[in-house]
Amino acid sequence: MRIRLIREGGLLGMTRRADVDTLERPDRAELERLAHEVLAEPDDRPPAGPGVPDAYHYTLTVDDRPPVEFTDPGLTESRLQLVEQVLGEGF
């Protein structure tokens, strides 16, 4: 499985990207489980508007599926774990 995660925004407005191929990773099963959970979650994007200042915006692409977008604050547990593991940083 190929996972691409892009994080934009935040206080500095920086963009972070990570591309992960799960094929040879020891945590393959966990990453794939989390990716499937995030893909299955309902689209809960708020309507267009000012939003939360300095919030992170994420775009997740798994294989050739359409991208899924979500925002922080309010990440689900699955989204938070996937972000931590793919971007390699905690919150």
N, C-alpha and C. Protein backbone atom coordinates (compact mmCIF):
# COMPACT_ATOMS: atom_id res chain seq x y z
N MET A 1 0.85 -1.17 0.00
CA MET A 1 0.00 0.00 0.00
C MET A 1 0.90 1.23 0.00
N ARG A 2 0.53 2.21 -0.79
CA ARG A 2 1.26 3.46 -0.85
C ARG A 2 0.43 4.54 -0.16
N ILE A 3 1.01 5.17 0.86
CA ILE A 3 0.32 6.20 1.63
C ILE A 3 1.07 7.51 1.45
N ARG A 4 0.35 8.53 1.05
CA ARG A 4 0.93 9.89 0.96
C ARG A 4 0.13 10.78 1.89
N LEU A 5 0.84 11.52 2.74
CA LEU A 5 0.19 12.44 3.67
C LEU A 5 0.85 13.80 3.54
N ILE A 6 0.03 14.82 3.35
CA ILE A 6 0.51 16.20 3.26
C ILE A 6 -0.15 16.99 4.37
N ARG A 7 0.67 17.70 5.14
CA ARG A 7 0.16 18.57 6.21
C ARG A 7 0.53 20.00 5.85
N GLU A 8 -0.48 20.87 5.83
CA GLU A 8 -0.27 22.27 5.51
C GLU A 8 -0.82 23.13 6.63
N GLY A 9 -0.33 24.36 6.70
CA GLY A 9 -0.87 25.31 7.67
C GLY A 9 -0.05 25.36 8.93
N GLY A 10 -0.73 25.56 10.02
CA GLY A 10 -0.04 25.70 11.29
C GLY A 10 0.46 27.12 11.48
N LEU A 11 1.09 27.35 12.59
CA LEU A 11 1.56 28.68 12.96
C LEU A 11 2.50 29.27 11.91
N LEU A 12 3.40 28.44 11.38
CA LEU A 12 4.39 28.93 10.41
C LEU A 12 3.95 28.75 8.97
N GLY A 13 2.84 28.06 8.74
CA GLY A 13 2.35 27.86 7.39
C GLY A 13 3.21 26.93 6.54
N MET A 14 3.96 26.07 7.19
CA MET A 14 4.86 25.17 6.48
C MET A 14 4.11 23.92 6.00
N THR A 15 4.63 23.32 4.94
CA THR A 15 4.07 22.09 4.40
C THR A 15 5.02 20.94 4.69
N ARG A 16 4.47 19.85 5.20
CA ARG A 16 5.23 18.60 5.42
C ARG A 16 4.60 17.53 4.56
N ARG A 17 5.43 16.71 3.93
CA ARG A 17 4.95 15.62 3.09
C ARG A 17 5.67 14.34 3.49
N ALA A 18 4.95 13.24 3.37
CA ALA A 18 5.56 11.93 3.59
C ALA A 18 4.91 10.94 2.64
N ASP A 19 5.74 10.14 2.02
CA ASP A 19 5.28 9.05 1.17
C ASP A 19 5.80 7.76 1.78
N VAL A 20 4.88 6.83 2.04
CA VAL A 20 5.24 5.58 2.69
C VAL A 20 4.76 4.42 1.84
N ASP A 21 5.64 3.49 1.57
CA ASP A 21 5.26 2.23 0.93
C ASP A 21 5.30 1.19 2.05
N THR A 22 4.15 0.63 2.37
CA THR A 22 4.07 -0.26 3.53
C THR A 22 4.64 -1.65 3.27
N LEU A 23 4.95 -1.98 2.03
CA LEU A 23 5.33 -3.34 1.65
C LEU A 23 6.41 -3.95 2.55
N GLU A 24 7.45 -3.22 2.86
CA GLU A 24 8.56 -3.81 3.61
C GLU A 24 8.71 -3.23 5.02
N ARG A 25 7.69 -2.57 5.50
CA ARG A 25 7.77 -1.99 6.84
C ARG A 25 7.33 -3.00 7.89
N PRO A 26 7.99 -3.01 9.04
CA PRO A 26 7.58 -3.93 10.10
C PRO A 26 6.21 -3.59 10.69
N ASP A 27 5.80 -2.32 10.57
CA ASP A 27 4.50 -1.90 11.08
C ASP A 27 3.44 -1.86 9.98
N ARG A 28 3.66 -2.64 8.94
CA ARG A 28 2.77 -2.66 7.77
C ARG A 28 1.30 -2.86 8.14
N ALA A 29 1.01 -3.89 8.91
CA ALA A 29 -0.39 -4.21 9.25
C ALA A 29 -1.06 -3.05 9.98
N GLU A 30 -0.35 -2.43 10.90
CA GLU A 30 -0.91 -1.32 11.67
C GLU A 30 -1.17 -0.11 10.77
N LEU A 31 -0.21 0.25 9.93
CA LEU A 31 -0.39 1.39 9.04
C LEU A 31 -1.55 1.16 8.08
N GLU A 32 -1.65 -0.03 7.53
CA GLU A 32 -2.73 -0.34 6.59
C GLU A 32 -4.08 -0.33 7.29
N ARG A 33 -4.13 -0.84 8.52
CA ARG A 33 -5.37 -0.82 9.29
C ARG A 33 -5.82 0.63 9.54
N LEU A 34 -4.87 1.48 9.96
CA LEU A 34 -5.20 2.88 10.22
C LEU A 34 -5.65 3.59 8.94
N ALA A 35 -4.96 3.34 7.84
CA ALA A 35 -5.33 3.98 6.57
C ALA A 35 -6.75 3.58 6.17
N HIS A 36 -7.08 2.29 6.30
CA HIS A 36 -8.43 1.83 5.96
C HIS A 36 -9.48 2.46 6.88
N GLU A 37 -9.16 2.60 8.17
CA GLU A 37 -10.09 3.23 9.10
C GLU A 37 -10.35 4.69 8.73
N VAL A 38 -9.28 5.41 8.41
CA VAL A 38 -9.42 6.82 8.05
C VAL A 38 -10.23 6.96 6.76
N LEU A 39 -9.97 6.10 5.79
CA LEU A 39 -10.73 6.16 4.54
C LEU A 39 -12.21 5.88 4.75
N ALA A 40 -12.54 5.07 5.74
CA ALA A 40 -13.94 4.69 5.99
C ALA A 40 -14.69 5.72 6.84
N GLU A 41 -13.97 6.65 7.46
CA GLU A 41 -14.62 7.64 8.32
C GLU A 41 -15.43 8.62 7.47
N PRO A 42 -16.53 9.12 8.02
CA PRO A 42 -17.36 10.07 7.27
C PRO A 42 -16.62 11.38 7.04
N ASP A 43 -16.99 12.05 5.97
CA ASP A 43 -16.42 13.35 5.64
C ASP A 43 -17.03 14.37 6.59
N ASP A 44 -16.21 14.89 7.50
CA ASP A 44 -16.73 15.82 8.50
C ASP A 44 -16.13 17.21 8.35
N ARG A 45 -15.72 17.54 7.14
CA ARG A 45 -15.15 18.87 6.94
C ARG A 45 -16.21 19.93 7.23
N PRO A 46 -15.80 20.97 7.95
CA PRO A 46 -16.75 22.04 8.23
C PRO A 46 -17.04 22.83 6.96
N PRO A 47 -18.16 23.53 6.93
CA PRO A 47 -18.45 24.35 5.75
C PRO A 47 -17.38 25.43 5.58
N ALA A 48 -17.25 25.93 4.37
CA ALA A 48 -16.26 26.97 4.09
C ALA A 48 -16.49 28.17 5.01
N GLY A 49 -15.42 28.72 5.48
CA GLY A 49 -15.51 29.86 6.38
C GLY A 49 -14.15 30.13 6.97
N PRO A 50 -14.10 30.99 7.97
CA PRO A 50 -12.79 31.37 8.51
C PRO A 50 -12.06 30.22 9.20
N GLY A 51 -12.76 29.26 9.77
CA GLY A 51 -12.10 28.12 10.40
C GLY A 51 -11.30 28.51 11.64
N VAL A 52 -10.40 27.62 12.04
CA VAL A 52 -9.56 27.84 13.21
C VAL A 52 -8.23 28.42 12.75
N PRO A 53 -7.83 29.57 13.29
CA PRO A 53 -6.55 30.15 12.89
C PRO A 53 -5.41 29.16 13.16
N ASP A 54 -4.50 29.09 12.22
CA ASP A 54 -3.28 28.28 12.36
C ASP A 54 -3.54 26.78 12.49
N ALA A 55 -4.70 26.31 12.06
CA ALA A 55 -5.00 24.88 12.12
C ALA A 55 -4.22 24.14 11.03
N TYR A 56 -3.93 22.89 11.28
CA TYR A 56 -3.31 22.04 10.27
C TYR A 56 -4.41 21.47 9.37
N HIS A 57 -4.09 21.38 8.09
CA HIS A 57 -4.97 20.76 7.10
C HIS A 57 -4.21 19.58 6.50
N TYR A 58 -4.84 18.43 6.46
CA TYR A 58 -4.20 17.21 5.97
C TYR A 58 -4.88 16.71 4.70
N THR A 59 -4.06 16.18 3.79
CA THR A 59 -4.56 15.49 2.61
C THR A 59 -3.92 14.12 2.58
N LEU A 60 -4.76 13.09 2.64
CA LEU A 60 -4.30 11.70 2.65
C LEU A 60 -4.68 11.04 1.33
N THR A 61 -3.70 10.42 0.68
CA THR A 61 -3.96 9.65 -0.54
C THR A 61 -3.43 8.25 -0.30
N VAL A 62 -4.27 7.27 -0.55
CA VAL A 62 -3.88 5.86 -0.39
C VAL A 62 -4.02 5.19 -1.75
N ASP A 63 -2.91 4.67 -2.24
CA ASP A 63 -2.85 4.06 -3.57
C ASP A 63 -3.47 5.02 -4.59
N ASP A 64 -4.39 4.55 -5.40
CA ASP A 64 -4.99 5.40 -6.43
C ASP A 64 -6.39 5.90 -6.05
N ARG A 65 -6.73 5.81 -4.77
CA ARG A 65 -8.04 6.28 -4.33
C ARG A 65 -8.07 7.81 -4.31
N PRO A 66 -9.25 8.38 -4.38
CA PRO A 66 -9.35 9.84 -4.28
C PRO A 66 -8.83 10.31 -2.91
N PRO A 67 -8.22 11.47 -2.86
CA PRO A 67 -7.69 11.99 -1.59
C PRO A 67 -8.80 12.24 -0.57
N VAL A 68 -8.43 12.12 0.69
CA VAL A 68 -9.31 12.43 1.81
C VAL A 68 -8.68 13.60 2.55
N GLU A 69 -9.50 14.59 2.87
CA GLU A 69 -8.99 15.77 3.57
C GLU A 69 -9.62 15.87 4.95
N PHE A 70 -8.80 16.31 5.90
CA PHE A 70 -9.30 16.53 7.25
C PHE A 70 -8.47 17.61 7.92
N THR A 71 -8.98 18.12 9.03
CA THR A 71 -8.37 19.27 9.70
C THR A 71 -8.19 18.99 11.18
N ASP A 72 -7.21 19.63 11.75
CA ASP A 72 -7.00 19.62 13.18
C ASP A 72 -7.40 21.01 13.66
N PRO A 73 -8.06 21.21 14.74
CA PRO A 73 -8.28 20.27 15.82
C PRO A 73 -9.44 19.32 15.54
N GLY A 74 -9.55 18.35 16.41
CA GLY A 74 -10.64 17.41 16.30
C GLY A 74 -10.31 16.16 15.51
N LEU A 75 -9.03 15.81 15.43
CA LEU A 75 -8.66 14.57 14.74
C LEU A 75 -9.22 13.38 15.50
N THR A 76 -9.73 12.40 14.75
CA THR A 76 -10.14 11.16 15.39
C THR A 76 -8.88 10.42 15.84
N GLU A 77 -9.06 9.42 16.66
CA GLU A 77 -7.91 8.65 17.15
C GLU A 77 -7.16 8.00 15.98
N SER A 78 -7.88 7.46 15.02
CA SER A 78 -7.25 6.82 13.85
C SER A 78 -6.44 7.83 13.04
N ARG A 79 -7.01 8.99 12.82
CA ARG A 79 -6.31 10.03 12.06
C ARG A 79 -5.06 10.47 12.80
N LEU A 80 -5.18 10.70 14.10
CA LEU A 80 -4.04 11.13 14.90
C LEU A 80 -2.92 10.09 14.85
N GLN A 81 -3.25 8.82 15.04
CA GLN A 81 -2.22 7.77 15.01
C GLN A 81 -1.57 7.67 13.64
N LEU A 82 -2.36 7.78 12.58
CA LEU A 82 -1.79 7.71 11.23
C LEU A 82 -0.85 8.89 10.99
N VAL A 83 -1.26 10.08 11.37
CA VAL A 83 -0.41 11.26 11.20
C VAL A 83 0.90 11.08 11.97
N GLU A 84 0.82 10.63 13.21
CA GLU A 84 2.02 10.44 14.02
C GLU A 84 2.97 9.43 13.39
N GLN A 85 2.42 8.34 12.88
CA GLN A 85 3.28 7.29 12.34
C GLN A 85 3.83 7.64 10.96
N VAL A 86 3.03 8.26 10.12
CA VAL A 86 3.49 8.57 8.77
C VAL A 86 4.42 9.78 8.76
N LEU A 87 4.08 10.82 9.50
CA LEU A 87 4.94 12.00 9.53
C LEU A 87 6.07 11.85 10.54
N GLY A 88 5.98 10.85 11.41
CA GLY A 88 7.07 10.59 12.35
C GLY A 88 7.20 11.60 13.45
N GLU A 89 6.07 12.12 13.91
CA GLU A 89 6.12 13.08 15.01
C GLU A 89 4.88 12.98 15.86
N GLY A 90 5.05 13.26 17.11
CA GLY A 90 3.92 13.24 18.03
C GLY A 90 3.33 14.62 18.20
N PHE A 91 2.21 14.67 18.89
CA PHE A 91 1.55 15.95 19.14
C PHE A 91 1.48 16.19 20.61
